[in-house]
Amino acid sequence: MHRANVAFALSLLREREYKAIKVLARIRNEFAHKWDGTAFDTDEVSKLVKSFPPEYFIYVDGTNRAKFNRVASDVVQELLGRYQYAEEICQILPREYRSIFDLSDEERRQFLKVQNKN
């Protein structure tokens, strides 16, 4: 969730994606922290599945597990596309906002050569 919070703050996540990630994390916690077992048809998980943004369920119906899988799949696909978006933003950032670690290997070598000459 910390990464999702930062990504949302940087506008790398849409609001619906952010909300979906929060619900996915809560469902994950339901399964991870219950010793007596949890299933997709329990009241708590059913309530969480119903709290997913409704945009994910246009033309979709099914079990809680199917809905969970659908949202998880959609979010992963959206984030894979977001990687390209983030790459493009890095290319247009002014140089003073870039770290040396954001440079390509060749750019880093050139930068270090200049620094060593000074």
N, C-alpha and C. Protein backbone atom coordinates (compact mmCIF):
# COMPACT_ATOMS: atom_id res chain seq x y z
N MET A 1 0.82 -1.20 0.00
CA MET A 1 0.00 0.00 0.00
C MET A 1 0.86 1.26 0.00
N HIS A 2 2.04 1.18 0.58
CA HIS A 2 2.90 2.37 0.59
C HIS A 2 3.25 2.78 -0.84
N ARG A 3 3.57 1.82 -1.67
CA ARG A 3 3.89 2.12 -3.06
C ARG A 3 2.68 2.66 -3.80
N ALA A 4 1.52 2.10 -3.51
CA ALA A 4 0.29 2.59 -4.15
C ALA A 4 0.01 4.02 -3.71
N ASN A 5 0.22 4.33 -2.45
CA ASN A 5 0.01 5.69 -1.96
C ASN A 5 0.94 6.67 -2.67
N VAL A 6 2.19 6.30 -2.82
CA VAL A 6 3.15 7.17 -3.49
C VAL A 6 2.78 7.32 -4.97
N ALA A 7 2.45 6.21 -5.62
CA ALA A 7 2.08 6.25 -7.04
C ALA A 7 0.84 7.11 -7.25
N PHE A 8 -0.11 7.02 -6.35
CA PHE A 8 -1.32 7.84 -6.47
C PHE A 8 -0.98 9.31 -6.26
N ALA A 9 -0.13 9.59 -5.29
CA ALA A 9 0.27 10.97 -5.02
C ALA A 9 1.02 11.57 -6.21
N LEU A 10 1.71 10.74 -6.97
CA LEU A 10 2.44 11.21 -8.14
C LEU A 10 1.60 11.16 -9.41
N SER A 11 0.32 10.87 -9.26
CA SER A 11 -0.62 10.77 -10.38
C SER A 11 -0.27 9.67 -11.37
N LEU A 12 0.36 8.62 -10.87
CA LEU A 12 0.66 7.46 -11.71
C LEU A 12 -0.46 6.43 -11.66
N LEU A 13 -1.39 6.62 -10.75
CA LEU A 13 -2.57 5.76 -10.64
C LEU A 13 -3.82 6.60 -10.79
N ARG A 14 -4.80 6.07 -11.49
CA ARG A 14 -6.11 6.71 -11.51
C ARG A 14 -6.80 6.40 -10.19
N GLU A 15 -7.79 7.19 -9.87
CA GLU A 15 -8.48 6.99 -8.60
C GLU A 15 -9.11 5.60 -8.50
N ARG A 16 -9.73 5.13 -9.58
CA ARG A 16 -10.37 3.81 -9.52
C ARG A 16 -9.34 2.71 -9.34
N GLU A 17 -8.16 2.86 -9.96
CA GLU A 17 -7.10 1.86 -9.78
C GLU A 17 -6.62 1.86 -8.33
N TYR A 18 -6.45 3.05 -7.79
CA TYR A 18 -6.01 3.18 -6.40
C TYR A 18 -7.01 2.53 -5.45
N LYS A 19 -8.30 2.81 -5.66
CA LYS A 19 -9.34 2.20 -4.82
C LYS A 19 -9.33 0.68 -4.97
N ALA A 20 -9.18 0.19 -6.19
CA ALA A 20 -9.15 -1.25 -6.43
C ALA A 20 -7.95 -1.89 -5.73
N ILE A 21 -6.80 -1.25 -5.78
CA ILE A 21 -5.61 -1.78 -5.13
C ILE A 21 -5.81 -1.84 -3.62
N LYS A 22 -6.45 -0.81 -3.05
CA LYS A 22 -6.73 -0.84 -1.61
C LYS A 22 -7.62 -2.01 -1.24
N VAL A 23 -8.65 -2.29 -2.06
CA VAL A 23 -9.55 -3.41 -1.78
C VAL A 23 -8.81 -4.73 -1.98
N LEU A 24 -8.03 -4.84 -3.04
CA LEU A 24 -7.24 -6.06 -3.27
C LEU A 24 -6.34 -6.34 -2.07
N ALA A 25 -5.71 -5.30 -1.54
CA ALA A 25 -4.83 -5.47 -0.39
C ALA A 25 -5.60 -5.92 0.85
N ARG A 26 -6.78 -5.37 1.04
CA ARG A 26 -7.59 -5.77 2.21
C ARG A 26 -8.05 -7.21 2.09
N ILE A 27 -8.43 -7.63 0.86
CA ILE A 27 -8.82 -9.03 0.66
C ILE A 27 -7.62 -9.94 0.88
N ARG A 28 -6.49 -9.55 0.37
CA ARG A 28 -5.26 -10.32 0.60
C ARG A 28 -5.00 -10.48 2.09
N ASN A 29 -5.17 -9.40 2.84
CA ASN A 29 -4.96 -9.47 4.29
C ASN A 29 -5.95 -10.39 4.98
N GLU A 30 -7.18 -10.43 4.47
CA GLU A 30 -8.18 -11.34 5.04
C GLU A 30 -7.69 -12.79 4.94
N PHE A 31 -7.13 -13.13 3.80
CA PHE A 31 -6.64 -14.49 3.60
C PHE A 31 -5.33 -14.74 4.34
N ALA A 32 -4.49 -13.75 4.44
CA ALA A 32 -3.16 -13.93 5.03
C ALA A 32 -3.16 -13.97 6.55
N HIS A 33 -4.13 -13.31 7.18
CA HIS A 33 -4.06 -13.15 8.63
C HIS A 33 -5.12 -13.91 9.41
N LYS A 34 -5.87 -14.77 8.76
CA LYS A 34 -6.88 -15.56 9.45
C LYS A 34 -6.40 -17.00 9.57
N TRP A 35 -6.25 -17.44 10.79
CA TRP A 35 -5.78 -18.80 11.04
C TRP A 35 -6.88 -19.84 10.77
N ASP A 36 -8.11 -19.44 10.94
CA ASP A 36 -9.21 -20.40 10.80
C ASP A 36 -9.66 -20.57 9.35
N GLY A 37 -9.01 -19.91 8.44
CA GLY A 37 -9.35 -20.05 7.02
C GLY A 37 -10.34 -18.99 6.58
N THR A 38 -10.23 -18.60 5.38
CA THR A 38 -11.12 -17.62 4.79
C THR A 38 -11.47 -18.11 3.40
N ALA A 39 -12.63 -17.71 2.95
CA ALA A 39 -13.07 -18.07 1.61
C ALA A 39 -13.69 -16.84 0.96
N PHE A 40 -13.87 -16.90 -0.33
CA PHE A 40 -14.43 -15.77 -1.05
C PHE A 40 -15.91 -15.55 -0.75
N ASP A 41 -16.55 -16.54 -0.12
CA ASP A 41 -17.98 -16.38 0.17
C ASP A 41 -18.27 -15.96 1.61
N THR A 42 -17.23 -15.60 2.38
CA THR A 42 -17.48 -15.10 3.73
C THR A 42 -18.07 -13.70 3.65
N ASP A 43 -18.71 -13.30 4.73
CA ASP A 43 -19.35 -11.97 4.74
C ASP A 43 -18.35 -10.84 4.53
N GLU A 44 -17.21 -10.93 5.20
CA GLU A 44 -16.23 -9.85 5.10
C GLU A 44 -15.67 -9.74 3.68
N VAL A 45 -15.30 -10.86 3.09
CA VAL A 45 -14.75 -10.82 1.73
C VAL A 45 -15.83 -10.40 0.74
N SER A 46 -17.05 -10.87 0.92
CA SER A 46 -18.15 -10.47 0.03
C SER A 46 -18.36 -8.96 0.09
N LYS A 47 -18.30 -8.41 1.29
CA LYS A 47 -18.46 -6.97 1.46
C LYS A 47 -17.33 -6.22 0.76
N LEU A 48 -16.12 -6.73 0.87
CA LEU A 48 -14.98 -6.09 0.22
C LEU A 48 -15.10 -6.16 -1.30
N VAL A 49 -15.51 -7.32 -1.83
CA VAL A 49 -15.67 -7.45 -3.28
C VAL A 49 -16.71 -6.46 -3.79
N LYS A 50 -17.76 -6.25 -3.02
CA LYS A 50 -18.80 -5.28 -3.42
C LYS A 50 -18.28 -3.84 -3.39
N SER A 51 -17.18 -3.61 -2.69
CA SER A 51 -16.65 -2.25 -2.61
C SER A 51 -15.67 -1.92 -3.74
N PHE A 52 -15.40 -2.87 -4.64
CA PHE A 52 -14.59 -2.56 -5.82
C PHE A 52 -15.30 -1.49 -6.65
N PRO A 53 -14.55 -0.62 -7.32
CA PRO A 53 -15.19 0.36 -8.20
C PRO A 53 -16.06 -0.37 -9.25
N PRO A 54 -17.27 0.07 -9.44
CA PRO A 54 -18.20 -0.65 -10.33
C PRO A 54 -17.76 -0.66 -11.79
N GLU A 55 -16.88 0.24 -12.20
CA GLU A 55 -16.42 0.27 -13.59
C GLU A 55 -15.76 -1.04 -14.01
N TYR A 56 -15.24 -1.77 -13.04
CA TYR A 56 -14.58 -3.03 -13.36
C TYR A 56 -15.57 -4.14 -13.72
N PHE A 57 -16.84 -3.95 -13.44
CA PHE A 57 -17.81 -5.02 -13.61
C PHE A 57 -18.83 -4.75 -14.70
N ILE A 58 -18.52 -3.84 -15.61
CA ILE A 58 -19.43 -3.62 -16.74
C ILE A 58 -19.42 -4.90 -17.57
N TYR A 59 -20.59 -5.45 -17.80
CA TYR A 59 -20.77 -6.70 -18.56
C TYR A 59 -20.15 -7.92 -17.87
N VAL A 60 -19.90 -7.85 -16.58
CA VAL A 60 -19.29 -8.98 -15.87
C VAL A 60 -20.17 -9.36 -14.70
N ASP A 61 -20.39 -10.64 -14.56
CA ASP A 61 -21.10 -11.15 -13.40
C ASP A 61 -20.41 -12.45 -13.03
N GLY A 62 -20.58 -12.88 -11.81
CA GLY A 62 -19.96 -14.13 -11.40
C GLY A 62 -19.75 -14.18 -9.91
N THR A 63 -18.94 -15.13 -9.51
CA THR A 63 -18.65 -15.33 -8.10
C THR A 63 -17.72 -14.25 -7.59
N ASN A 64 -17.60 -14.19 -6.28
CA ASN A 64 -16.65 -13.23 -5.68
C ASN A 64 -15.23 -13.51 -6.15
N ARG A 65 -14.90 -14.78 -6.25
CA ARG A 65 -13.55 -15.14 -6.71
C ARG A 65 -13.34 -14.66 -8.15
N ALA A 66 -14.33 -14.85 -9.02
CA ALA A 66 -14.22 -14.41 -10.41
C ALA A 66 -14.08 -12.90 -10.48
N LYS A 67 -14.83 -12.20 -9.66
CA LYS A 67 -14.74 -10.74 -9.64
C LYS A 67 -13.37 -10.28 -9.14
N PHE A 68 -12.87 -10.92 -8.10
CA PHE A 68 -11.54 -10.62 -7.57
C PHE A 68 -10.49 -10.82 -8.67
N ASN A 69 -10.57 -11.97 -9.35
CA ASN A 69 -9.61 -12.27 -10.42
C ASN A 69 -9.71 -11.25 -11.54
N ARG A 70 -10.91 -10.84 -11.88
CA ARG A 70 -11.12 -9.85 -12.95
C ARG A 70 -10.46 -8.53 -12.59
N VAL A 71 -10.72 -8.06 -11.38
CA VAL A 71 -10.16 -6.77 -10.96
C VAL A 71 -8.64 -6.87 -10.88
N ALA A 72 -8.12 -7.92 -10.29
CA ALA A 72 -6.66 -8.08 -10.19
C ALA A 72 -6.03 -8.09 -11.58
N SER A 73 -6.63 -8.81 -12.50
CA SER A 73 -6.13 -8.88 -13.87
C SER A 73 -6.17 -7.51 -14.55
N ASP A 74 -7.29 -6.82 -14.41
CA ASP A 74 -7.43 -5.49 -15.03
C ASP A 74 -6.41 -4.50 -14.47
N VAL A 75 -6.22 -4.52 -13.15
CA VAL A 75 -5.27 -3.59 -12.54
C VAL A 75 -3.86 -3.87 -13.03
N VAL A 76 -3.49 -5.15 -13.11
CA VAL A 76 -2.15 -5.50 -13.61
C VAL A 76 -1.97 -4.99 -15.04
N GLN A 77 -2.97 -5.20 -15.88
CA GLN A 77 -2.88 -4.73 -17.27
C GLN A 77 -2.75 -3.21 -17.33
N GLU A 78 -3.51 -2.51 -16.51
CA GLU A 78 -3.44 -1.05 -16.50
C GLU A 78 -2.07 -0.58 -16.03
N LEU A 79 -1.51 -1.26 -15.04
CA LEU A 79 -0.20 -0.85 -14.52
C LEU A 79 0.92 -1.15 -15.51
N LEU A 80 0.78 -2.21 -16.27
CA LEU A 80 1.78 -2.49 -17.30
C LEU A 80 1.80 -1.37 -18.34
N GLY A 81 0.63 -0.85 -18.66
CA GLY A 81 0.56 0.28 -19.56
C GLY A 81 1.11 1.55 -18.94
N ARG A 82 0.97 1.67 -17.65
CA ARG A 82 1.44 2.85 -16.93
C ARG A 82 2.96 2.93 -16.93
N TYR A 83 3.62 1.78 -17.03
CA TYR A 83 5.08 1.76 -17.08
C TYR A 83 5.57 2.59 -18.27
N GLN A 84 4.94 2.40 -19.41
CA GLN A 84 5.30 3.17 -20.60
C GLN A 84 5.06 4.66 -20.37
N TYR A 85 3.96 4.98 -19.72
CA TYR A 85 3.64 6.38 -19.40
C TYR A 85 4.73 6.99 -18.53
N ALA A 86 5.17 6.26 -17.52
CA ALA A 86 6.20 6.76 -16.62
C ALA A 86 7.53 6.94 -17.36
N GLU A 87 7.84 6.01 -18.25
CA GLU A 87 9.05 6.14 -19.05
C GLU A 87 9.03 7.41 -19.89
N GLU A 88 7.88 7.70 -20.49
CA GLU A 88 7.76 8.90 -21.32
C GLU A 88 7.91 10.17 -20.49
N ILE A 89 7.35 10.17 -19.29
CA ILE A 89 7.49 11.34 -18.41
C ILE A 89 8.95 11.57 -18.06
N CYS A 90 9.67 10.50 -17.78
CA CYS A 90 11.09 10.63 -17.44
C CYS A 90 11.88 11.27 -18.58
N GLN A 91 11.48 11.00 -19.80
CA GLN A 91 12.19 11.56 -20.94
C GLN A 91 11.98 13.06 -21.08
N ILE A 92 10.84 13.58 -20.62
CA ILE A 92 10.58 15.01 -20.80
C ILE A 92 10.89 15.85 -19.56
N LEU A 93 11.27 15.20 -18.46
CA LEU A 93 11.65 15.95 -17.27
C LEU A 93 12.91 16.76 -17.54
N PRO A 94 12.96 17.97 -17.04
CA PRO A 94 14.21 18.73 -17.17
C PRO A 94 15.35 17.98 -16.50
N ARG A 95 16.53 18.13 -17.03
CA ARG A 95 17.70 17.40 -16.53
C ARG A 95 17.94 17.61 -15.03
N GLU A 96 17.67 18.82 -14.53
CA GLU A 96 17.96 19.08 -13.12
C GLU A 96 17.09 18.26 -12.17
N TYR A 97 16.01 17.67 -12.69
CA TYR A 97 15.16 16.84 -11.84
C TYR A 97 15.52 15.36 -11.93
N ARG A 98 16.47 15.05 -12.78
CA ARG A 98 16.86 13.65 -12.94
C ARG A 98 18.04 13.32 -12.05
N SER A 99 18.07 12.12 -11.60
CA SER A 99 19.21 11.61 -10.84
C SER A 99 20.18 10.97 -11.81
N ILE A 100 21.41 10.85 -11.41
CA ILE A 100 22.40 10.16 -12.26
C ILE A 100 21.95 8.72 -12.51
N PHE A 101 21.22 8.15 -11.60
CA PHE A 101 20.78 6.77 -11.75
C PHE A 101 19.64 6.63 -12.75
N ASP A 102 19.03 7.75 -13.12
CA ASP A 102 17.98 7.73 -14.14
C ASP A 102 18.55 7.82 -15.55
N LEU A 103 19.84 8.11 -15.65
CA LEU A 103 20.46 8.23 -16.95
C LEU A 103 20.78 6.85 -17.52
N SER A 104 20.90 6.80 -18.84
CA SER A 104 21.33 5.55 -19.47
C SER A 104 22.80 5.32 -19.11
N ASP A 105 23.29 4.13 -19.39
CA ASP A 105 24.70 3.84 -19.09
C ASP A 105 25.63 4.80 -19.81
N GLU A 106 25.35 5.06 -21.08
CA GLU A 106 26.20 5.97 -21.86
C GLU A 106 26.14 7.39 -21.30
N GLU A 107 24.95 7.86 -20.97
CA GLU A 107 24.81 9.21 -20.39
C GLU A 107 25.55 9.30 -19.06
N ARG A 108 25.48 8.24 -18.27
CA ARG A 108 26.17 8.22 -16.97
C ARG A 108 27.68 8.28 -17.17
N ARG A 109 28.21 7.53 -18.14
CA ARG A 109 29.65 7.57 -18.41
C ARG A 109 30.09 8.97 -18.82
N GLN A 110 29.32 9.61 -19.70
CA GLN A 110 29.65 10.97 -20.14
C GLN A 110 29.62 11.94 -18.97
N PHE A 111 28.61 11.82 -18.13
CA PHE A 111 28.48 12.69 -16.97
C PHE A 111 29.70 12.53 -16.05
N LEU A 112 30.08 11.29 -15.79
CA LEU A 112 31.22 11.02 -14.90
C LEU A 112 32.54 11.52 -15.50
N LYS A 113 32.70 11.41 -16.81
CA LYS A 113 33.89 11.95 -17.46
C LYS A 113 34.00 13.45 -17.24
N VAL A 114 32.90 14.15 -17.43
CA VAL A 114 32.88 15.60 -17.24
C VAL A 114 33.19 15.93 -15.78
N GLN A 115 32.60 15.22 -14.85
CA GLN A 115 32.82 15.48 -13.44
C GLN A 115 34.28 15.22 -13.05
N ASN A 116 34.88 14.17 -13.61
CA ASN A 116 36.27 13.84 -13.28
C ASN A 116 37.25 14.86 -13.85
N LYS A 117 36.89 15.51 -14.97
CA LYS A 117 37.75 16.54 -15.56
C LYS A 117 37.75 17.78 -14.71
N ASN A 118 36.65 18.04 -14.01
CA ASN A 118 36.56 19.25 -13.18
C ASN A 118 37.24 18.99 -11.90
